[in-house]
Protein backbone atom coordinates (compact mmCIF):
# COMPACT_ATOMS: atom_id res chain seq x y z
CA MET A 1 0.00 0.00 0.00
CA ILE A 2 2.93 2.35 0.71
CA ALA A 3 4.36 1.60 -2.76
CA LEU A 4 0.96 2.14 -4.40
CA GLY A 5 0.42 5.44 -2.58
CA THR A 6 3.94 6.65 -3.29
CA GLY A 7 3.55 5.78 -6.96
CA GLY A 8 0.48 8.01 -7.10
CA ILE A 9 1.88 10.93 -5.10
CA LYS A 10 5.54 11.31 -6.04
CA PRO A 11 5.41 11.64 -9.85
CA CYS A 12 2.45 14.04 -9.68
CA VAL A 13 2.97 16.26 -6.63
CA SER A 14 6.09 18.06 -7.90
CA SER A 15 4.60 18.50 -11.38
CA PHE A 16 1.29 19.73 -9.95
CA GLY A 17 3.09 22.18 -7.66
CA ALA A 18 5.17 23.56 -10.53
CA ASP A 19 2.01 23.89 -12.67
CA GLN A 20 0.84 26.59 -10.25
CA PHE A 21 3.47 28.96 -11.68
CA ASP A 22 2.86 30.86 -14.92
CA ASP A 23 5.77 30.34 -17.36
CA THR A 24 4.83 33.50 -19.25
CA ASP A 25 5.34 35.63 -16.12
CA GLN A 26 9.03 36.29 -15.43
CA ALA A 27 8.55 36.72 -11.66
CA GLU A 28 6.57 33.50 -11.33
CA ARG A 29 9.03 31.63 -13.55
CA ALA A 30 11.88 32.60 -11.22
CA LYS A 31 9.88 31.46 -8.19
CA LYS A 32 9.23 28.10 -9.83
CA GLY A 33 12.96 27.35 -9.65
CA SER A 34 12.86 27.98 -5.90
CA PHE A 35 9.74 25.83 -5.58
CA PHE A 36 11.65 22.65 -6.43
CA ASN A 37 14.30 23.49 -3.81
CA TRP A 38 11.81 24.12 -1.01
CA PHE A 39 9.66 21.17 -2.07
CA TYR A 40 12.66 18.87 -1.50
CA PHE A 41 13.46 20.76 1.71
CA CYS A 42 9.97 19.95 3.08
CA ILE A 43 10.36 16.28 2.19
CA ASN A 44 13.56 16.11 4.20
CA ILE A 45 12.04 18.00 7.15
CA GLY A 46 9.40 15.25 7.23
CA SER A 47 12.10 12.59 6.96
CA PHE A 48 14.08 14.20 9.81
CA ILE A 49 11.04 14.32 12.12
CA SER A 50 10.15 10.74 11.22
CA GLY A 51 13.68 9.46 11.84
CA THR A 52 14.11 11.26 15.18
CA MET A 53 10.94 12.28 17.05
CA ILE A 54 8.64 9.53 15.75
CA VAL A 55 11.28 6.84 16.32
CA TRP A 56 11.83 8.12 19.87
CA ILE A 57 8.05 8.04 20.56
CA GLN A 58 7.79 4.50 19.16
CA ASP A 59 10.66 3.29 21.34
CA ASN A 60 9.62 5.09 24.54
CA THR A 61 5.83 5.40 24.36
CA GLY A 62 4.61 2.69 22.03
CA TRP A 63 4.12 1.71 18.42
CA GLY A 64 0.40 2.51 18.52
CA ILE A 65 0.88 6.23 19.12
CA GLY A 66 3.99 6.12 16.91
CA PHE A 67 1.84 5.08 13.94
CA ALA A 68 -1.15 7.22 14.98
CA ILE A 69 0.79 10.51 14.78
CA PRO A 70 1.78 10.21 11.07
CA THR A 71 -1.72 8.89 10.30
CA ILE A 72 -3.31 12.01 11.84
CA PHE A 73 -0.89 14.31 10.02
CA MET A 74 -1.52 12.54 6.72
CA ALA A 75 -5.27 12.99 7.20
CA LEU A 76 -4.72 16.70 7.93
CA ALA A 77 -2.53 17.00 4.83
CA ILE A 78 -5.23 15.46 2.63
CA SER A 79 -7.82 17.83 4.15
CA PHE A 80 -5.64 20.89 3.49
CA PHE A 81 -4.92 19.69 -0.03
CA PHE A 82 -8.58 19.36 -1.00
CA SER A 83 -9.68 22.50 0.85
CA ALA A 84 -7.70 24.62 -1.64
CA SER A 85 -9.14 22.90 -4.73
CA ASN A 86 -10.82 26.07 -5.99
CA LYS A 87 -7.49 27.96 -5.94
CA TYR A 88 -5.38 25.56 -8.02
CA ARG A 89 -4.36 25.95 -11.64
CA PHE A 90 -5.16 22.71 -13.42
CA GLN A 91 -3.25 21.41 -16.44
CA LYS A 92 -5.74 19.92 -18.88
CA PRO A 93 -5.09 16.18 -19.31
CA GLY A 94 -3.91 15.36 -22.83
CA GLY A 95 -4.78 11.67 -22.84
CA SER A 96 -2.41 8.73 -22.54
CA PRO A 97 1.18 9.74 -23.44
CA LEU A 98 2.08 6.10 -24.10
CA THR A 99 -0.72 5.85 -26.66
CA ARG A 100 0.60 8.95 -28.45
CA VAL A 101 4.12 7.48 -28.52
CA CYS A 102 2.79 4.24 -30.06
CA GLN A 103 0.80 6.22 -32.63
CA VAL A 104 3.95 8.03 -33.83
CA VAL A 105 5.95 4.79 -34.12
CA ILE A 106 3.19 2.94 -36.01
CA ALA A 107 2.41 5.88 -38.33
CA ALA A 108 6.14 6.25 -39.12
CA PHE A 109 6.50 2.53 -39.91
CA ARG A 110 3.42 2.63 -42.12
CA LYS A 111 5.12 5.32 -44.19
CA TRP A 112 8.65 3.90 -44.14
CA HIS A 113 8.83 4.08 -47.96
CA ILE A 114 7.78 7.77 -48.11
CA GLU A 115 10.48 10.43 -48.35
CA VAL A 116 10.41 13.26 -45.83
CA PRO A 117 10.08 16.64 -47.63
CA HIS A 118 12.97 19.10 -47.32
CA ASP A 119 10.46 21.85 -46.57
CA THR A 120 9.35 20.97 -43.03
CA SER A 121 6.37 23.35 -43.31
CA LEU A 122 4.77 20.63 -45.46
CA LEU A 123 4.59 18.32 -42.43
CA TYR A 124 1.19 18.08 -40.80
CA GLU A 125 0.30 20.45 -37.97
CA VAL A 126 -3.03 21.88 -36.89
CA ASP A 127 -3.76 25.57 -37.46
CA GLY A 128 -3.95 28.05 -34.61
CA GLN A 129 -1.87 28.73 -31.51
CA THR A 130 -2.68 25.53 -29.61
CA SER A 131 -1.72 21.97 -30.54
CA ALA A 132 -4.06 19.06 -31.17
CA ILE A 133 -3.00 17.64 -27.79
CA GLU A 134 -5.19 19.03 -25.01
CA GLY A 135 -3.32 21.33 -22.63
CA SER A 136 -0.08 21.26 -24.64
CA ARG A 137 1.76 24.01 -26.49
CA LYS A 138 3.00 23.43 -30.01
CA LEU A 139 6.57 22.17 -30.31
CA GLU A 140 8.93 23.42 -33.01
CA HIS A 141 10.25 20.89 -35.52
CA THR A 142 13.82 19.62 -35.04
CA ASN A 143 16.03 17.90 -37.63
CA GLU A 144 17.02 14.98 -35.41
CA LEU A 145 15.56 11.46 -35.77
CA GLU A 146 14.23 12.21 -39.24
CA PHE A 147 12.68 8.75 -39.61
CA LEU A 148 9.97 9.70 -37.09
CA ASP A 149 9.02 12.73 -39.24
CA ARG A 150 7.39 10.27 -41.63
CA ALA A 151 4.51 10.03 -39.16
CA ALA A 152 3.70 13.69 -39.97
CA VAL A 153 4.08 13.39 -43.78
CA ILE A 154 0.75 13.91 -45.58
CA SER A 155 0.63 11.03 -48.05
CA SER A 156 -1.55 10.68 -51.16
CA ALA A 157 -3.72 8.24 -49.20
CA ASP A 158 -4.28 10.89 -46.51
CA LEU A 159 -5.26 13.42 -49.18
CA LYS A 160 -7.69 11.02 -50.80
CA SER A 161 -9.45 10.26 -47.52
CA GLU A 162 -9.54 14.01 -46.70
CA SER A 163 -9.55 12.99 -43.07
CA PHE A 164 -6.62 13.96 -40.84
CA THR A 165 -8.24 12.78 -37.63
CA ASP A 166 -6.68 9.30 -37.32
CA PRO A 167 -3.42 9.70 -35.36
CA TRP A 168 -2.52 6.04 -36.05
CA LYS A 169 -2.01 7.07 -39.69
CA LEU A 170 -1.06 10.74 -39.47
CA CYS A 171 0.44 12.59 -36.48
CA THR A 172 1.08 16.27 -35.91
CA VAL A 173 4.61 17.70 -35.73
CA THR A 174 4.04 18.35 -32.00
CA GLN A 175 3.17 14.70 -31.37
CA VAL A 176 6.29 13.56 -33.25
CA GLU A 177 8.44 16.03 -31.32
CA GLU A 178 7.08 14.63 -28.03
CA LEU A 179 8.69 11.27 -28.84
CA LYS A 180 11.89 12.95 -30.01
CA ILE A 181 12.14 14.77 -26.68
CA LEU A 182 11.77 11.50 -24.76
CA ILE A 183 14.53 9.92 -26.86
CA ARG A 184 16.82 12.94 -26.35
CA MET A 185 16.23 12.80 -22.60
CA PHE A 186 17.00 9.08 -22.37
CA PRO A 187 20.85 9.34 -22.15
CA ILE A 188 20.57 11.96 -19.37
CA TRP A 189 18.05 9.71 -17.59
CA ALA A 190 20.33 6.66 -17.91
CA THR A 191 23.41 8.42 -16.50
CA THR A 192 21.56 9.39 -13.31
CA ILE A 193 21.00 5.71 -12.45
CA ILE A 194 24.60 5.38 -11.21
CA PHE A 195 24.02 8.32 -8.85
CA SER A 196 21.20 6.32 -7.25
CA ALA A 197 23.61 3.38 -6.89
CA VAL A 198 25.95 5.69 -4.96
CA TYR A 199 23.07 6.94 -2.82
CA ALA A 200 22.14 3.32 -2.03
CA GLN A 201 25.40 3.00 -0.06
CA ASN A 202 23.88 5.48 2.39
CA SER A 203 21.61 2.74 3.74
CA SER A 204 23.84 -0.30 3.16
CA MET A 205 27.65 -0.23 3.11
CA PHE A 206 27.96 2.99 5.12
CA ILE A 207 26.05 1.26 7.92
CA GLU A 208 28.24 -1.86 7.62
CA GLN A 209 31.30 0.37 7.94
CA GLY A 210 29.80 2.13 10.97
CA MET A 211 29.27 -1.25 12.70
CA VAL A 212 33.04 -1.72 13.02
CA LEU A 213 33.82 1.80 14.23
CA ASP A 214 33.74 3.06 17.81
CA LYS A 215 30.09 3.97 18.44
CA ARG A 216 30.62 5.48 21.89
CA ILE A 217 30.19 9.22 22.34
CA GLY A 218 30.68 9.82 26.06
CA SER A 219 28.14 7.60 27.81
CA PHE A 220 26.01 7.16 24.66
CA ASN A 221 26.16 4.47 22.00
CA ILE A 222 25.24 5.77 18.53
CA PRO A 223 23.41 3.25 16.31
CA PRO A 224 25.24 3.24 12.92
CA ALA A 225 21.95 3.56 11.00
CA SER A 226 21.14 6.80 12.84
CA LEU A 227 24.08 8.56 11.15
CA SER A 228 21.99 8.72 7.97
CA THR A 229 20.25 11.60 9.80
CA PHE A 230 23.32 13.66 8.90
CA ASP A 231 22.44 13.15 5.23
CA VAL A 232 19.01 14.69 5.92
CA ILE A 233 20.58 17.50 7.99
CA SER A 234 22.95 18.18 5.10
CA VAL A 235 20.02 18.55 2.70
CA ILE A 236 18.21 20.87 5.14
CA MET A 237 21.35 23.02 5.37
CA TRP A 238 22.21 22.99 1.66
CA VAL A 239 18.78 23.92 0.26
CA PRO A 240 18.64 27.46 1.77
CA LEU A 241 22.38 27.86 1.12
CA TYR A 242 21.87 26.97 -2.55
CA ASP A 243 18.67 28.98 -3.03
CA ARG A 244 19.68 32.15 -1.16
CA ILE A 245 23.46 32.34 -1.69
CA LEU A 246 24.74 30.11 -4.52
CA VAL A 247 22.00 30.92 -7.06
CA PRO A 248 22.28 34.76 -6.75
CA LEU A 249 26.09 34.41 -6.85
CA ALA A 250 26.04 32.15 -9.92
CA ARG A 251 23.49 34.43 -11.61
CA LYS A 252 26.08 37.25 -11.68
CA PHE A 253 28.54 35.06 -13.62
CA THR A 254 26.22 32.99 -15.84
CA GLY A 255 23.45 35.52 -16.44
CA ARG A 256 20.94 32.70 -16.03
CA GLU A 257 17.71 33.28 -14.14
CA LYS A 258 18.29 30.09 -12.12
CA GLY A 259 22.04 30.60 -11.69
CA PHE A 260 22.88 27.12 -13.00
CA SER A 261 21.17 25.19 -15.77
CA GLU A 262 19.57 21.92 -14.66
CA LEU A 263 22.29 19.93 -16.46
CA GLN A 264 25.07 21.93 -14.77
CA ARG A 265 23.41 21.43 -11.40
CA MET A 266 23.11 17.67 -11.90
CA GLY A 267 26.75 17.48 -13.02
CA ILE A 268 27.93 19.20 -9.81
CA GLY A 269 25.91 16.66 -7.82
CA LEU A 270 27.58 13.77 -9.67
CA VAL A 271 31.01 15.21 -8.77
CA LEU A 272 29.98 15.48 -5.10
CA SER A 273 28.76 11.86 -5.13
CA ILE A 274 32.23 10.76 -6.29
CA LEU A 275 33.81 12.76 -3.46
CA ALA A 276 31.45 11.01 -1.00
CA MET A 277 32.76 7.61 -2.13
CA VAL A 278 36.37 8.86 -1.93
CA SER A 279 35.70 10.08 1.63
CA ALA A 280 34.24 6.68 2.60
CA ALA A 281 37.24 4.89 1.07
CA LEU A 282 39.74 7.09 2.95
CA VAL A 283 37.90 6.47 6.24
CA GLU A 284 38.03 2.73 5.58
CA LEU A 285 41.76 2.84 4.74
CA LYS A 286 42.44 4.56 8.08
CA ARG A 287 40.18 2.09 9.90
CA LEU A 288 42.03 -0.91 8.44
CA GLU A 289 45.37 0.70 9.35
CA ILE A 290 44.24 1.04 12.98
CA ALA A 291 42.90 -2.55 12.92
CA ARG A 292 46.34 -3.82 11.83
CA SER A 293 48.22 -1.74 14.40
CA GLU A 294 45.88 -2.91 17.20
CA GLY A 295 46.09 -6.58 16.14
CA LEU A 296 42.36 -6.78 15.36
CA ILE A 297 42.63 -8.13 11.80
CA HIS A 298 41.32 -11.59 12.69
CA GLU A 299 38.87 -10.38 15.33
CA LYS A 300 35.31 -9.42 14.48
CA ALA A 301 35.42 -6.28 16.61
CA ALA A 302 35.08 -2.52 16.29
CA VAL A 303 38.33 -0.58 16.01
CA PRO A 304 39.14 2.42 18.24
CA MET A 305 38.19 5.01 15.64
CA SER A 306 35.15 7.25 16.19
CA ILE A 307 32.07 6.66 14.07
CA LEU A 308 31.85 10.45 13.70
CA TRP A 309 34.52 10.19 10.98
CA GLN A 310 31.66 9.03 8.75
CA ILE A 311 29.89 12.40 8.98
CA PRO A 312 31.75 13.98 5.99
CA GLN A 313 30.63 11.22 3.60
CA TYR A 314 27.01 11.59 4.74
CA PHE A 315 27.20 15.37 4.33
CA LEU A 316 28.64 14.98 0.82
CA VAL A 317 25.83 12.59 -0.14
CA GLY A 318 23.30 15.13 1.16
CA ALA A 319 24.93 17.93 -0.83
CA ALA A 320 24.94 15.71 -3.94
CA GLU A 321 21.20 15.12 -3.43
CA VAL A 322 20.47 18.85 -3.40
CA PHE A 323 22.26 19.30 -6.71
CA THR A 324 21.41 16.09 -8.59
CA CYS A 325 18.01 14.99 -7.26
CA ILE A 326 16.40 18.44 -7.30
CA GLY A 327 18.07 19.27 -10.61
CA GLN A 328 16.77 16.00 -12.03
CA VAL A 329 13.18 16.71 -10.95
CA GLU A 330 13.37 20.23 -12.39
CA PHE A 331 15.00 19.02 -15.64
CA PHE A 332 12.38 16.35 -16.30
CA TYR A 333 9.60 18.84 -15.57
CA ASP A 334 10.93 21.68 -17.73
CA GLN A 335 12.09 19.52 -20.64
CA ALA A 336 9.11 17.18 -20.72
CA PRO A 337 6.35 17.90 -23.24
CA ASP A 338 3.52 19.77 -21.49
CA ALA A 339 1.21 16.75 -21.50
CA MET A 340 3.92 14.30 -20.35
CA ARG A 341 5.27 15.96 -17.21
CA SER A 342 3.96 13.43 -14.69
CA LEU A 343 5.19 10.56 -16.89
CA CYS A 344 8.68 12.07 -17.08
CA SER A 345 8.70 12.68 -13.30
CA ALA A 346 7.84 9.00 -12.86
CA LEU A 347 10.72 8.04 -15.18
CA ALA A 348 13.06 10.12 -13.00
CA LEU A 349 11.91 8.19 -9.92
CA ILE A 350 12.55 4.86 -11.65
CA THR A 351 16.28 5.69 -11.55
CA VAL A 352 16.13 5.26 -7.75
CA SER A 353 14.93 1.65 -7.97
CA LEU A 354 17.27 0.83 -10.86
CA GLY A 355 20.20 2.33 -8.93
CA ASN A 356 19.42 0.08 -5.97
CA TYR A 357 19.30 -2.96 -8.24
CA ILE A 358 22.63 -2.02 -9.83
CA SER A 359 24.17 -1.54 -6.38
CA SER A 360 22.99 -5.03 -5.40
CA ILE A 361 24.36 -6.53 -8.64
CA ILE A 362 27.78 -4.86 -8.15
CA LEU A 363 27.88 -6.06 -4.54
CA THR A 364 27.01 -9.62 -5.57
CA LEU A 365 29.62 -9.67 -8.35
CA VAL A 366 32.32 -8.22 -6.07
CA SER A 367 31.55 -10.81 -3.37
CA TYR A 368 31.63 -13.65 -5.92
CA ILE A 369 34.80 -12.60 -7.77
CA THR A 370 36.88 -11.60 -4.72
CA THR A 371 36.13 -14.80 -2.78
CA GLN A 372 37.50 -17.11 -5.49
CA GLY A 373 40.31 -19.41 -4.33
CA GLY A 374 39.22 -19.33 -0.69
CA ASP A 375 40.07 -15.66 -0.13
CA PRO A 376 37.89 -13.77 2.39
CA GLY A 377 37.07 -11.22 -0.32
CA TRP A 378 36.59 -7.48 -0.12
CA ILE A 379 33.45 -7.65 2.02
CA PRO A 380 33.65 -10.66 4.40
CA ASP A 381 31.59 -11.03 7.58
CA ASN A 382 34.63 -9.73 9.46
CA LEU A 383 35.36 -6.45 7.70
CA ASN A 384 38.73 -6.23 9.47
CA GLU A 385 39.90 -9.05 7.17
CA GLY A 386 38.43 -7.45 4.05
CA HIS A 387 38.93 -4.45 1.82
CA LEU A 388 35.72 -2.45 1.92
CA ASP A 389 37.84 0.51 0.80
CA ARG A 390 38.32 -1.16 -2.61
CA PHE A 391 34.56 -1.46 -3.00
CA PHE A 392 34.19 2.28 -2.35
CA TRP A 393 37.02 3.01 -4.82
CA LEU A 394 35.24 0.81 -7.38
CA ILE A 395 31.97 2.72 -6.97
CA ALA A 396 33.91 6.01 -7.22
CA GLY A 397 35.58 4.76 -10.42
CA ILE A 398 32.29 3.70 -11.98
CA SER A 399 30.81 7.07 -10.99
CA PHE A 400 33.74 8.89 -12.60
CA VAL A 401 33.27 7.04 -15.90
CA ASN A 402 29.54 7.76 -15.64
CA LEU A 403 30.33 11.47 -15.10
CA ILE A 404 32.40 11.55 -18.32
CA VAL A 405 29.54 9.94 -20.24
CA TYR A 406 27.07 12.36 -18.63
CA MET A 407 29.16 15.37 -19.63
CA GLY A 408 29.23 14.14 -23.23
CA CYS A 409 25.45 13.68 -23.24
CA ALA A 410 24.85 17.05 -21.55
CA VAL A 411 27.01 18.95 -24.07
CA ARG A 412 25.10 17.38 -26.98
CA TYR A 413 21.65 17.80 -25.43
CA ARG A 414 19.27 20.16 -27.27
CA TYR A 415 16.67 21.91 -25.15
CA LYS A 416 13.06 21.79 -26.30
CA LYS A 417 11.50 24.76 -28.09
CA ALA A 418 7.81 25.40 -27.51
CA SER A 419 5.77 28.05 -29.25
């Protein structure tokens, strides 16, 4: 039920919120950039409260009240949401985007033998300011992926029938450009999957590393999993820093309304994610050095090195989130065709699950390959005998290669043009 509810809320809530801003108004357009920042800020405030106050109540008062509190707040949230229904700006639904994609592909294949005219004004498009797709602006023709333009070629058969209303046979230029945009966005989408694989370490190998560090702070014992709170704190700190200081500063140099383009912002986040893995690897190298000097290599025991040394890697992951995750949401909203924004937001969220799967596959392969010949491997049950640092270096290396690929895709990316 959580997965079902999340699948309904997450792809739509950011798009719906951004729809409240008028793109034709310069002041509102500038505020829309801030909206994505503060939207993510609110999510992490909720996560922080859930991971601290609610957990404390569940442990000290009871699970009943621990579950009742978020239930009550969710009910209040739904009430507030619907109470403002008469104030919202609603984007008119344009029908199924997947159906429109299939129509373009089938119409193009039906006309595979027809040559695309050099004069693109001969391609089919409806008259007037609005497109044939409800709630969507017209998109300007681009010269890429010319094969798909065949779907908008008016054939002799179309002229004979004098009916241009069957999109399975004839599509508008805007409908064809919708598919082209999705194809252009695909490489950017694919390169953000590795970022999610890095982020997955936040709740897996970082915790494993914390288990073999000194968890005592005075008379308290810090649970390794609780250090992920520093990731949330980092996000809460970085959002206002980015929105109020970095953006105005960058605006002076770039001249951009948002300071950084979405692609630049995501690229900075990918660099920070690499630094997070480097930080984790350096901590592990020092931990193994202390384990050897203390004679703990063959003992499954924590080494006398404070768990607080993990804080920098958590803070770097949080900073990377602010740049990449928010930039990704904003990119997929702004670059998506008007009637496909929720779909593209959903595609952005799929990178999270794919990144977790890739992380699991890498971990499985590393465990299998490094344990050949009876060796304990990089990640044995006793991490003092292993080389968890090499795993972090491997993830950093993969992320670096991914960054190079991303930069190549970002440089070649062509932004959409709507009329």
